[in-house]
Each structure stands twice: as structure tokens, then as C-alpha cells.
């Protein structure tokens, strides 16, 4: 997936407990393990808020910062996949490629 998206920094599969199941990185200094717990907390809060407001289950979250964008999509009920892109990254292609991987992740985790 990372090789199919221009500007990718890395990707990972993370549990809502913050533990990283697997990750791949293009940059040696990018480690999703460090961010896993923080992003898991954000996703748990988004899941709770969307349900409290009657909006249904959160399926995707994107966070953009000064240096990168993180696309996160739910994988089943207990995991999320994330793709990190540099500022020059192709967000549309990133979303598409990540979305294509979700059924594969769900099948592997079943």
C-alpha cells in the first residue's frame, strides 16, 4: 500500500488498546508505535462522540499537521489502519488504497 501512494511515510495496523500489530515505514525515523496509543485514544473518543450524537459508528478520521497527514480507518470493531503521508502526499489515492486494504485486514484478523 505504501508503495502505491506518492508521498507515503508509513502505515500501520493498530489495536484500540494502542498496541501496533504491524507497521511499515519508508523513513527510518518514523515509528507508528509511539503514536499508536495517542491515536487510539483519539479514535476511541471519536467513536464515543459519534454514537452519543446519533451519527453512527466512526469509520474514518484524518488529522493534518504542519509536517504530515494521518488517515485512519476502522478495521472491525477493535482495530484501525493508518497511513501517514507527507505534505506532498496524495490524500485521495491514500484514502483509496487504505480503504481497499480494510477487507483484507478484517479477514486476516478473523
Protein backbone atom coordinates (compact mmCIF):
# COMPACT_ATOMS: atom_id res chain seq x y z
CA UNK A 1 0.00 0.00 0.00
CA UNK A 2 2.75 2.47 0.94
CA UNK A 3 4.49 1.92 -2.38
CA UNK A 4 1.26 2.70 -4.27
CA UNK A 5 0.78 6.17 -2.76
CA UNK A 6 3.04 9.10 -3.60
CA UNK A 7 4.33 10.86 -0.50
CA UNK A 8 3.70 7.96 1.90
CA UNK A 9 5.75 7.97 5.08
CA UNK A 10 4.44 4.77 6.64
CA UNK A 11 1.44 2.69 7.58
CA UNK A 12 0.31 0.51 10.43
CA UNK A 13 -2.39 -1.70 11.87
CA UNK A 14 -3.14 -0.73 15.46
CA UNK A 15 -5.47 -2.04 18.14
CA UNK A 16 -7.77 0.32 20.02
CA UNK A 17 -5.62 -0.55 23.04
CA UNK A 18 -2.79 1.31 21.30
CA UNK A 19 -0.68 -1.75 20.52
CA UNK A 20 0.72 -1.90 17.00
CA UNK A 21 0.03 -5.19 15.23
CA UNK A 22 2.20 -4.43 12.19
CA UNK A 23 3.82 -1.43 10.56
CA UNK A 24 5.90 -0.42 7.56
CA UNK A 25 7.92 2.74 7.19
CA UNK A 26 9.62 4.50 4.30
CA UNK A 27 11.51 6.79 6.67
CA UNK A 28 13.81 5.21 9.26
CA UNK A 29 12.79 7.73 11.92
CA UNK A 30 9.03 7.10 11.51
CA UNK A 31 7.70 4.72 14.17
CA UNK A 32 3.93 4.29 14.45
CA UNK A 33 4.44 2.52 17.80
CA UNK A 34 4.99 5.84 19.54
CA UNK A 35 1.84 7.39 18.08
CA UNK A 36 -0.32 4.24 18.33
CA UNK A 37 -1.56 4.84 21.86
CA UNK A 38 -2.26 8.53 21.26
CA UNK A 39 -4.19 7.93 18.05
CA UNK A 40 -6.07 5.03 19.65
CA UNK A 41 -7.31 7.44 22.32
CA UNK A 42 -8.44 9.93 19.65
CA UNK A 43 -10.29 7.20 17.76
CA UNK A 44 -11.99 5.87 20.91
CA UNK A 45 -13.18 9.39 21.71
CA UNK A 46 -14.47 9.88 18.15
CA UNK A 47 -16.31 6.54 18.29
CA UNK A 48 -17.96 7.51 21.56
CA UNK A 49 -18.86 11.02 20.39
CA UNK A 50 -20.36 9.90 17.07
CA UNK A 51 -22.51 7.31 18.82
CA UNK A 52 -23.58 9.78 21.53
CA UNK A 53 -24.71 12.24 18.86
CA UNK A 54 -26.59 9.53 16.97
CA UNK A 55 -24.31 9.78 13.95
CA UNK A 56 -23.48 6.08 13.80
CA UNK A 57 -20.09 4.47 14.01
CA UNK A 58 -16.99 6.44 13.04
CA UNK A 59 -15.31 4.83 10.04
CA UNK A 60 -12.53 7.28 9.13
CA UNK A 61 -10.53 10.07 10.74
CA UNK A 62 -7.93 12.34 9.18
CA UNK A 63 -5.51 14.51 11.10
CA UNK A 64 -3.34 17.05 9.33
CA UNK A 65 -0.35 18.72 10.97
CA UNK A 66 2.43 21.05 9.85
CA UNK A 67 4.51 18.08 8.69
CA UNK A 68 2.16 15.23 7.77
CA UNK A 69 -1.36 13.90 7.41
CA UNK A 70 -2.63 10.71 9.06
CA UNK A 71 -5.56 8.84 7.56
CA UNK A 72 -7.09 6.30 9.95
CA UNK A 73 -9.84 3.83 9.10
CA UNK A 74 -11.57 1.35 11.37
CA UNK A 75 -10.82 -2.35 10.86
CA UNK A 76 -13.62 -4.27 12.52
CA UNK A 77 -14.53 -3.05 15.99
CA UNK A 78 -11.16 -3.31 17.72
CA UNK A 79 -8.51 -2.12 15.25
CA UNK A 80 -7.66 0.71 12.89
CA UNK A 81 -5.35 1.04 9.91
CA UNK A 82 -3.38 4.21 9.47
CA UNK A 83 -1.47 5.74 6.59
CA UNK A 84 0.91 8.64 7.14
CA UNK A 85 1.57 11.00 4.26
CA UNK A 86 3.99 13.86 3.88
CA UNK A 87 2.66 17.26 2.88
CA UNK A 88 3.23 16.32 -0.76
CA UNK A 89 1.31 13.06 -0.32
CA UNK A 90 -1.65 12.13 -2.48
CA UNK A 91 -4.56 12.10 0.01
CA UNK A 92 -7.15 10.82 -2.46
CA UNK A 93 -5.00 7.90 -3.53
CA UNK A 94 -4.08 7.27 0.10
CA UNK A 95 -7.73 7.01 1.13
CA UNK A 96 -8.49 4.70 -1.79
CA UNK A 97 -5.55 2.37 -1.13
CA UNK A 98 -6.24 2.24 2.60
CA UNK A 99 -9.92 1.51 2.02
CA UNK A 100 -9.01 -1.34 -0.35
CA UNK A 101 -6.92 -2.96 2.41
CA UNK A 102 -9.62 -2.93 5.11
CA UNK A 103 -11.40 -6.16 3.99
CA UNK A 104 -8.01 -7.93 3.80
CA UNK A 105 -7.14 -6.81 7.33
CA UNK A 106 -10.55 -7.87 8.62
CA UNK A 107 -10.20 -11.29 7.05
CA UNK A 108 -6.70 -11.74 8.50
CA UNK A 109 -7.92 -10.78 11.99
CA UNK A 110 -11.00 -13.05 11.91
